[in-house]
């Protein structure tokens, strides 16, 4: 079964790591896609929301950055 909780968490963690790697390499637009694939109901959702906000802030779209931060 490809939809087990373990595999979903592993997929979330991989997307989180990829998103933050893009953020560290100054590629905020590329970072948003993997960070937005992280499940909101999963254990990595807070870090993903923080990263999406940082990506929006890096491209100086502060009104969009505040939206995921408000969820935190």
N, C-alpha and C. Protein backbone atom coordinates (compact mmCIF):
# COMPACT_ATOMS: atom_id res chain seq x y z
N UNK A 1 0.85 -1.19 0.00
CA UNK A 1 0.00 0.00 0.00
C UNK A 1 0.89 1.24 0.00
N UNK A 2 0.85 2.05 -1.05
CA UNK A 2 1.73 3.23 -1.12
C UNK A 2 1.26 4.40 -0.26
N UNK A 3 0.13 4.29 0.39
CA UNK A 3 -0.41 5.41 1.15
C UNK A 3 -0.38 5.16 2.65
N UNK A 4 0.67 4.54 3.13
CA UNK A 4 0.79 4.34 4.57
C UNK A 4 1.27 5.63 5.22
N UNK A 5 1.05 5.73 6.50
CA UNK A 5 1.46 6.92 7.25
C UNK A 5 2.98 7.10 7.20
N UNK A 6 3.71 6.01 7.25
CA UNK A 6 5.18 6.08 7.22
C UNK A 6 5.68 6.65 5.90
N UNK A 7 5.12 6.17 4.80
CA UNK A 7 5.55 6.67 3.49
C UNK A 7 5.12 8.12 3.27
N UNK A 8 3.95 8.47 3.76
CA UNK A 8 3.51 9.86 3.65
C UNK A 8 4.41 10.79 4.45
N UNK A 9 4.80 10.36 5.64
CA UNK A 9 5.71 11.17 6.45
C UNK A 9 7.08 11.28 5.81
N UNK A 10 7.54 10.20 5.22
CA UNK A 10 8.84 10.23 4.53
C UNK A 10 8.79 11.17 3.34
N UNK A 11 7.70 11.14 2.59
CA UNK A 11 7.53 12.05 1.45
C UNK A 11 7.49 13.50 1.93
N UNK A 12 6.79 13.76 3.03
CA UNK A 12 6.74 15.11 3.59
C UNK A 12 8.13 15.59 4.00
N UNK A 13 8.88 14.70 4.64
CA UNK A 13 10.22 15.08 5.10
C UNK A 13 11.15 15.36 3.92
N UNK A 14 11.02 14.58 2.86
CA UNK A 14 11.84 14.80 1.67
C UNK A 14 11.48 16.14 1.01
N UNK A 15 10.19 16.43 0.91
CA UNK A 15 9.78 17.71 0.34
C UNK A 15 10.23 18.88 1.21
N UNK A 16 10.18 18.71 2.50
CA UNK A 16 10.65 19.75 3.42
C UNK A 16 12.15 20.01 3.24
N UNK A 17 12.92 18.94 3.17
CA UNK A 17 14.36 19.08 2.99
C UNK A 17 14.70 19.73 1.65
N UNK A 18 13.99 19.34 0.61
CA UNK A 18 14.22 19.93 -0.71
C UNK A 18 13.86 21.42 -0.71
N UNK A 19 12.74 21.76 -0.10
CA UNK A 19 12.33 23.17 -0.04
C UNK A 19 13.33 24.02 0.70
N UNK A 20 13.80 23.54 1.84
CA UNK A 20 14.78 24.32 2.60
C UNK A 20 16.14 24.39 1.90
N UNK A 21 16.48 23.36 1.14
CA UNK A 21 17.72 23.41 0.35
C UNK A 21 17.63 24.50 -0.71
N UNK A 22 16.46 24.62 -1.34
CA UNK A 22 16.26 25.70 -2.31
C UNK A 22 16.32 27.06 -1.62
N UNK A 23 15.73 27.17 -0.45
CA UNK A 23 15.78 28.46 0.27
C UNK A 23 17.22 28.85 0.60
N UNK A 24 18.01 27.88 1.04
CA UNK A 24 19.40 28.16 1.39
C UNK A 24 20.22 28.55 0.17
N UNK A 25 19.83 28.07 -1.01
CA UNK A 25 20.57 28.42 -2.22
C UNK A 25 19.96 29.62 -2.94
N UNK A 26 19.16 30.40 -2.20
CA UNK A 26 18.57 31.64 -2.71
C UNK A 26 17.67 31.41 -3.92
N UNK A 27 16.85 30.36 -3.88
CA UNK A 27 15.89 30.06 -4.94
C UNK A 27 14.49 29.95 -4.34
N UNK A 28 13.92 31.07 -3.90
CA UNK A 28 12.63 31.01 -3.19
C UNK A 28 11.47 30.52 -4.05
N UNK A 29 11.46 30.83 -5.33
CA UNK A 29 10.37 30.35 -6.18
C UNK A 29 10.40 28.83 -6.32
N UNK A 30 11.58 28.27 -6.45
CA UNK A 30 11.71 26.82 -6.55
C UNK A 30 11.38 26.16 -5.21
N UNK A 31 11.60 26.85 -4.12
CA UNK A 31 11.35 26.28 -2.79
C UNK A 31 9.87 26.12 -2.49
N UNK A 32 9.05 26.98 -3.06
CA UNK A 32 7.63 26.96 -2.72
C UNK A 32 6.94 25.66 -3.13
N UNK A 33 7.27 25.14 -4.30
CA UNK A 33 6.57 23.94 -4.80
C UNK A 33 6.73 22.74 -3.86
N UNK A 34 7.95 22.34 -3.48
CA UNK A 34 8.03 21.18 -2.57
C UNK A 34 7.48 21.48 -1.18
N UNK A 35 7.63 22.70 -0.71
CA UNK A 35 7.09 23.04 0.61
C UNK A 35 5.57 22.99 0.63
N UNK A 36 4.95 23.34 -0.48
CA UNK A 36 3.49 23.31 -0.55
C UNK A 36 2.95 21.89 -0.72
N UNK A 37 3.80 20.94 -1.04
CA UNK A 37 3.36 19.54 -1.15
C UNK A 37 3.31 18.83 0.19
N UNK A 38 3.85 19.44 1.23
CA UNK A 38 3.83 18.83 2.56
C UNK A 38 2.40 18.87 3.09
N UNK A 39 1.94 17.76 3.64
CA UNK A 39 0.57 17.68 4.16
C UNK A 39 0.38 18.61 5.36
N UNK A 40 -0.75 19.28 5.40
CA UNK A 40 -1.05 20.15 6.54
C UNK A 40 -1.37 19.36 7.79
N UNK A 41 -1.80 18.13 7.65
CA UNK A 41 -2.15 17.31 8.80
C UNK A 41 -0.96 16.46 9.28
N UNK A 42 0.19 16.63 8.67
CA UNK A 42 1.34 15.81 9.02
C UNK A 42 2.22 16.47 10.08
N UNK A 43 3.23 15.74 10.53
CA UNK A 43 4.11 16.25 11.59
C UNK A 43 5.08 17.34 11.14
N UNK A 44 5.20 17.58 9.85
CA UNK A 44 6.14 18.58 9.34
C UNK A 44 5.44 19.83 8.82
N UNK A 45 4.16 19.96 9.09
CA UNK A 45 3.38 21.06 8.53
C UNK A 45 3.85 22.43 9.03
N UNK A 46 4.20 22.54 10.30
CA UNK A 46 4.63 23.84 10.83
C UNK A 46 5.90 24.33 10.15
N UNK A 47 6.86 23.44 9.96
CA UNK A 47 8.10 23.83 9.30
C UNK A 47 7.86 24.19 7.84
N UNK A 48 6.94 23.48 7.20
CA UNK A 48 6.63 23.78 5.81
C UNK A 48 5.94 25.14 5.69
N UNK A 49 5.00 25.43 6.58
CA UNK A 49 4.33 26.73 6.56
C UNK A 49 5.33 27.86 6.80
N UNK A 50 6.24 27.65 7.72
CA UNK A 50 7.28 28.65 7.98
C UNK A 50 8.12 28.87 6.72
N UNK A 51 8.50 27.78 6.06
CA UNK A 51 9.32 27.89 4.85
C UNK A 51 8.60 28.58 3.70
N UNK A 52 7.32 28.29 3.53
CA UNK A 52 6.55 28.95 2.47
C UNK A 52 6.49 30.46 2.74
N UNK A 53 6.30 30.82 3.99
CA UNK A 53 6.30 32.25 4.34
C UNK A 53 7.64 32.89 4.05
N UNK A 54 8.72 32.20 4.38
CA UNK A 54 10.05 32.75 4.10
C UNK A 54 10.29 32.89 2.60
N UNK A 55 9.82 31.93 1.83
CA UNK A 55 9.98 32.01 0.37
C UNK A 55 9.24 33.23 -0.17
N UNK A 56 8.02 33.46 0.29
CA UNK A 56 7.27 34.63 -0.15
C UNK A 56 7.95 35.93 0.30
N UNK A 57 8.49 35.93 1.50
CA UNK A 57 9.19 37.12 1.99
C UNK A 57 10.46 37.39 1.18
N UNK A 58 11.13 36.34 0.76
CA UNK A 58 12.35 36.51 -0.05
C UNK A 58 12.06 37.16 -1.39
N UNK A 59 10.88 36.90 -1.95
CA UNK A 59 10.53 37.55 -3.22
C UNK A 59 9.75 38.84 -2.98
N UNK A 60 9.77 39.28 -1.72
CA UNK A 60 9.17 40.55 -1.29
C UNK A 60 7.67 40.61 -1.52
N UNK A 61 7.01 39.49 -1.37
CA UNK A 61 5.55 39.44 -1.42
C UNK A 61 5.06 39.22 0.01
N UNK A 62 5.11 40.28 0.79
CA UNK A 62 4.85 40.20 2.22
C UNK A 62 3.39 39.91 2.54
N UNK A 63 2.47 40.33 1.69
CA UNK A 63 1.06 40.04 1.95
C UNK A 63 0.77 38.54 1.81
N UNK A 64 1.49 37.85 0.94
CA UNK A 64 1.34 36.40 0.83
C UNK A 64 2.12 35.68 1.92
N UNK A 65 3.22 36.27 2.37
CA UNK A 65 4.04 35.63 3.40
C UNK A 65 3.30 35.53 4.72
N UNK A 66 2.45 36.48 5.00
CA UNK A 66 1.76 36.50 6.28
C UNK A 66 0.70 35.40 6.38
N UNK A 67 0.18 34.94 5.26
CA UNK A 67 -0.90 33.95 5.27
C UNK A 67 -0.44 32.62 5.91
N UNK A 68 0.65 32.00 5.45
CA UNK A 68 1.05 30.75 6.14
C UNK A 68 1.55 31.00 7.56
N UNK A 69 2.12 32.17 7.80
CA UNK A 69 2.58 32.46 9.16
C UNK A 69 1.43 32.61 10.13
N UNK A 70 0.29 33.10 9.64
CA UNK A 70 -0.88 33.23 10.51
C UNK A 70 -1.42 31.84 10.91
N UNK A 71 -1.21 30.85 10.06
CA UNK A 71 -1.64 29.49 10.40
C UNK A 71 -0.82 28.90 11.54
N UNK A 72 0.41 29.40 11.69
CA UNK A 72 1.26 28.90 12.76
C UNK A 72 0.74 29.39 14.09
